[in-house]
Amino acid sequence: MADSETMLRMQGRSGEVVVRRAGGNVELIVNGVFLMDSGRNGASERALARTVLGACASAEPACLVGGLGLGYTLAEILAVRPRARATCVELEPAVIAGQRYVAGSCGIPARVTEDPRVTIETGDVLSWMSATAERYDAIMLDVDNGPSWLVRPENCRLYDNAGVRLMAGALKPAGVLGIWSAQAEDALADRLAQAFLSLHTVTVPVVKGSPDIIYLASGHATARSVK
């Protein structure tokens, strides 16, 4: 593409990570899977933060974000809840390194990952939830395009029954879980309905194709274990 510029290309844990500018937008591609771009100013990613925090009563929520992406969700948390504390777990060091290239182009604070309210952890979010003793007011998961469109096959564990139970158990009793997907996922919805007392679906319109989906779950009563 004549108007395409590669801003970052690194070998990552899941394959090649590419951040590029194409047609005026910034794109993130991991392991050959197109994950997101800046074309809609992070509308879906910002909506994930707003939707979850809109259902969260805490003025100073402890938030866990699975997947950094281009930084939109993280930036929106701080904008919506200035007294929030956010831990973002990102598997790919290259995605974290890429923030210095993309922040200005995406219209978010250039040093959002260095904000004192933010902790960036490199690793697998499922493993993080398995190991941490902390409980969260809000968990926001956006690491794939949904369970039917994975960046890496191992991520299927996030969306199975054990993964859903683990996420539920990492929440405080009044905590809220939000999972972003590029399409409706009936099997995931069924698992969430079994693990939580309340489940709502929020749609985010897109220019072409089916709308993005945010699954919003709360009122968990499950054991915190992975089998």
Protein backbone atom coordinates (compact mmCIF):
# COMPACT_ATOMS: atom_id res chain seq x y z
CA MET A 1 0.00 0.00 0.00
CA ALA A 2 1.46 3.32 -1.08
CA ASP A 3 0.02 5.15 1.92
CA SER A 4 1.04 2.49 4.44
CA GLU A 5 3.84 3.03 6.97
CA THR A 6 5.09 0.37 9.37
CA MET A 7 5.59 2.02 12.77
CA LEU A 8 6.63 -1.13 14.64
CA ARG A 9 7.36 -4.72 13.66
CA MET A 10 8.53 -7.16 16.34
CA GLN A 11 8.43 -10.88 16.95
CA GLY A 12 6.16 -11.53 19.89
CA ARG A 13 4.99 -14.41 22.04
CA SER A 14 2.03 -15.04 19.74
CA GLY A 15 3.80 -14.38 16.47
CA GLU A 16 4.66 -11.18 14.65
CA VAL A 17 3.29 -7.93 16.07
CA VAL A 18 2.80 -5.11 13.57
CA VAL A 19 1.69 -1.55 14.23
CA ARG A 20 1.23 0.40 11.05
CA ARG A 21 -0.36 3.56 9.72
CA ALA A 22 -2.58 2.89 6.71
CA GLY A 23 -4.93 5.32 5.05
CA GLY A 24 -4.64 7.73 7.96
CA ASN A 25 -5.49 5.08 10.57
CA VAL A 26 -3.27 3.18 12.98
CA GLU A 27 -3.68 -0.61 12.80
CA LEU A 28 -2.67 -3.35 15.23
CA ILE A 29 -2.04 -6.84 13.81
CA VAL A 30 -0.87 -9.76 15.95
CA ASN A 31 0.01 -13.18 14.54
CA GLY A 32 -1.60 -12.20 11.24
CA VAL A 33 -4.91 -11.38 12.96
CA PHE A 34 -6.22 -7.84 12.46
CA LEU A 35 -7.23 -6.73 15.94
CA MET A 36 -8.17 -3.08 15.73
CA ASP A 37 -7.53 0.29 14.20
CA SER A 38 -8.06 3.93 15.09
CA GLY A 39 -10.65 4.52 12.37
CA ARG A 40 -13.55 5.08 14.79
CA ASN A 41 -11.43 6.66 17.51
CA GLY A 42 -11.68 3.52 19.58
CA ALA A 43 -15.47 3.66 19.79
CA SER A 44 -15.90 0.01 20.80
CA GLU A 45 -12.93 -0.03 23.15
CA ARG A 46 -14.08 3.16 24.88
CA ALA A 47 -17.61 1.76 25.05
CA LEU A 48 -16.28 -1.28 26.90
CA ALA A 49 -14.90 0.96 29.66
CA ARG A 50 -17.98 3.21 29.82
CA THR A 51 -20.40 0.28 29.85
CA VAL A 52 -18.64 -1.59 32.62
CA LEU A 53 -18.01 1.49 34.76
CA GLY A 54 -21.59 2.62 34.21
CA ALA A 55 -22.68 -0.53 36.02
CA CYS A 56 -19.99 -0.20 38.70
CA ALA A 57 -21.00 1.73 41.83
CA SER A 58 -17.49 2.39 43.14
CA ALA A 59 -16.10 5.90 42.70
CA GLU A 60 -12.59 4.50 43.12
CA PRO A 61 -12.81 1.16 41.32
CA ALA A 62 -9.99 -1.32 41.14
CA CYS A 63 -10.03 -2.33 37.47
CA LEU A 64 -8.39 -5.18 35.61
CA VAL A 65 -7.98 -4.80 31.84
CA GLY A 66 -7.12 -7.83 29.75
CA GLY A 67 -5.34 -6.58 26.64
CA LEU A 68 -3.80 -3.13 26.05
CA GLY A 69 -4.48 -2.80 22.34
CA LEU A 70 -4.05 0.82 21.27
CA GLY A 71 -4.78 2.07 24.79
CA TYR A 72 -8.35 3.29 24.29
CA THR A 73 -9.99 1.26 27.06
CA LEU A 74 -7.33 2.19 29.59
CA ALA A 75 -7.53 5.88 28.71
CA GLU A 76 -11.32 5.84 28.95
CA ILE A 77 -11.24 4.30 32.42
CA LEU A 78 -9.13 7.21 33.67
CA ALA A 79 -11.37 9.74 31.93
CA VAL A 80 -14.63 8.27 33.28
CA ARG A 81 -13.35 7.46 36.79
CA PRO A 82 -10.42 9.77 37.58
CA ARG A 83 -9.90 8.05 40.94
CA ALA A 84 -9.81 4.57 39.44
CA ARG A 85 -6.83 2.27 39.78
CA ALA A 86 -6.21 0.13 36.72
CA THR A 87 -4.04 -2.93 36.16
CA CYS A 88 -3.61 -3.81 32.50
CA VAL A 89 -2.24 -7.26 31.65
CA GLU A 90 -0.83 -7.50 28.12
CA LEU A 91 0.83 -10.61 26.77
CA GLU A 92 2.91 -8.91 24.09
CA PRO A 93 5.80 -6.64 25.12
CA ALA A 94 5.73 -5.26 21.57
CA VAL A 95 2.19 -3.94 22.07
CA ILE A 96 3.32 -2.16 25.22
CA ALA A 97 6.38 -0.77 23.43
CA GLY A 98 4.15 0.39 20.58
CA GLN A 99 2.26 2.85 22.78
CA ARG A 100 4.91 5.49 22.34
CA TYR A 101 4.31 5.37 18.60
CA VAL A 102 0.54 5.29 18.50
CA ALA A 103 -0.77 7.39 21.39
CA GLY A 104 -0.65 10.74 19.62
CA SER A 105 -2.11 9.30 16.42
CA CYS A 106 -4.97 7.72 18.40
CA GLY A 107 -5.82 10.88 20.30
CA ILE A 108 -5.08 9.50 23.77
CA PRO A 109 -2.60 10.72 26.41
CA ALA A 110 0.90 9.92 25.22
CA ARG A 111 1.96 8.56 28.61
CA VAL A 112 -1.23 6.78 29.65
CA THR A 113 0.73 3.61 30.40
CA GLU A 114 3.00 5.62 32.74
CA ASP A 115 0.14 7.25 34.66
CA PRO A 116 0.54 6.64 38.42
CA ARG A 117 -2.98 5.21 38.52
CA VAL A 118 -1.96 2.52 36.03
CA THR A 119 0.05 -0.66 36.42
CA ILE A 120 1.12 -2.50 33.27
CA GLU A 121 1.87 -6.19 33.66
CA THR A 122 3.39 -8.32 30.91
CA GLY A 123 1.79 -11.75 30.82
CA ASP A 124 -1.29 -13.85 30.26
CA VAL A 125 -4.39 -12.39 31.91
CA LEU A 126 -5.77 -15.83 32.75
CA SER A 127 -2.58 -16.71 34.60
CA TRP A 128 -2.66 -13.33 36.31
CA MET A 129 -6.18 -13.91 37.63
CA SER A 130 -5.17 -17.38 38.74
CA ALA A 131 -2.23 -16.06 40.76
CA THR A 132 -3.40 -12.74 42.20
CA ALA A 133 -5.14 -12.43 45.55
CA GLU A 134 -6.67 -9.10 44.56
CA ARG A 135 -10.37 -8.77 43.80
CA TYR A 136 -11.60 -6.22 41.32
CA ASP A 137 -14.60 -3.92 41.05
CA ALA A 138 -14.42 -4.19 37.27
CA ILE A 139 -12.83 -6.57 34.78
CA MET A 140 -12.67 -5.66 31.09
CA LEU A 141 -11.54 -8.32 28.66
CA ASP A 142 -10.52 -7.46 25.10
CA VAL A 143 -7.72 -9.80 24.03
CA ASP A 144 -9.15 -11.33 20.85
CA ASN A 145 -11.93 -10.60 18.40
CA GLY A 146 -14.08 -12.96 20.48
CA PRO A 147 -13.90 -16.71 21.14
CA SER A 148 -14.53 -17.54 17.48
CA TRP A 149 -11.66 -15.37 16.24
CA LEU A 150 -8.63 -15.93 18.45
CA VAL A 151 -5.18 -14.40 18.26
CA ARG A 152 -3.70 -17.61 19.69
CA PRO A 153 -5.43 -20.99 20.10
CA GLU A 154 -4.62 -21.12 23.82
CA ASN A 155 -6.92 -18.16 24.42
CA CYS A 156 -9.92 -20.45 24.11
CA ARG A 157 -9.36 -21.13 27.83
CA LEU A 158 -10.48 -17.59 28.57
CA TYR A 159 -13.95 -18.26 27.25
CA ASP A 160 -14.64 -21.81 28.45
CA ASN A 161 -16.48 -22.66 31.67
CA ALA A 162 -13.33 -22.67 33.80
CA GLY A 163 -12.22 -19.32 32.38
CA VAL A 164 -15.59 -17.73 33.07
CA ARG A 165 -15.53 -19.08 36.63
CA LEU A 166 -12.04 -17.70 37.12
CA MET A 167 -13.08 -14.23 35.95
CA ALA A 168 -16.14 -14.35 38.20
CA GLY A 169 -14.02 -15.32 41.18
CA ALA A 170 -11.56 -12.48 40.56
CA LEU A 171 -14.39 -9.97 41.07
CA LYS A 172 -15.54 -8.44 44.31
CA PRO A 173 -19.12 -9.47 45.26
CA ALA A 174 -20.55 -6.38 43.55
CA GLY A 175 -18.03 -6.48 40.72
CA VAL A 176 -18.82 -6.22 37.01
CA LEU A 177 -17.33 -8.15 34.08
CA GLY A 178 -17.29 -6.88 30.51
CA ILE A 179 -16.16 -9.00 27.56
CA TRP A 180 -15.74 -7.46 24.11
CA SER A 181 -16.42 -9.48 20.96
CA ALA A 182 -16.53 -8.64 17.26
CA GLN A 183 -19.67 -10.75 16.89
CA ALA A 184 -22.40 -12.43 18.93
CA GLU A 185 -21.19 -15.53 20.75
CA ASP A 186 -24.16 -17.60 21.95
CA ALA A 187 -22.08 -20.27 23.70
CA LEU A 188 -20.20 -17.63 25.68
CA ALA A 189 -23.46 -15.92 26.60
CA ASP A 190 -24.80 -19.22 27.92
CA ARG A 191 -21.71 -19.75 30.09
CA LEU A 192 -21.94 -16.23 31.48
CA ALA A 193 -25.64 -16.70 32.23
CA GLN A 194 -24.81 -19.79 34.26
CA ALA A 195 -22.06 -18.07 36.25
CA PHE A 196 -23.73 -14.71 36.88
CA LEU A 197 -27.13 -13.58 38.11
CA SER A 198 -27.32 -10.73 35.60
CA LEU A 199 -26.24 -10.66 31.95
CA HIS A 200 -26.81 -7.84 29.47
CA THR A 201 -25.70 -7.46 25.87
CA VAL A 202 -24.65 -4.06 24.55
CA THR A 203 -24.23 -3.55 20.80
CA VAL A 204 -21.83 -1.06 19.26
CA PRO A 205 -22.66 -0.26 15.61
CA VAL A 206 -19.93 -0.57 12.99
CA VAL A 207 -19.70 0.82 9.47
CA LYS A 208 -19.92 -2.60 7.81
CA GLY A 209 -21.08 -5.98 9.05
CA SER A 210 -22.51 -7.09 12.36
CA PRO A 211 -22.19 -4.78 15.37
CA ASP A 212 -19.54 -5.31 18.02
CA ILE A 213 -20.86 -6.90 21.20
CA ILE A 214 -20.11 -6.20 24.85
CA TYR A 215 -21.26 -8.85 27.31
CA LEU A 216 -21.91 -7.25 30.69
CA ALA A 217 -22.19 -9.67 33.62
CA SER A 218 -22.59 -9.14 37.36
CA GLY A 219 -23.80 -10.91 40.48
CA HIS A 220 -21.45 -13.90 40.45
CA ALA A 221 -21.68 -16.86 42.77
CA THR A 222 -18.94 -19.18 41.53
CA ALA A 223 -15.82 -20.77 42.95
CA ARG A 224 -12.48 -19.28 41.91
CA SER A 225 -10.76 -22.26 40.30
CA VAL A 226 -9.53 -23.50 36.96
CA LYS A 227 -9.64 -27.21 36.19
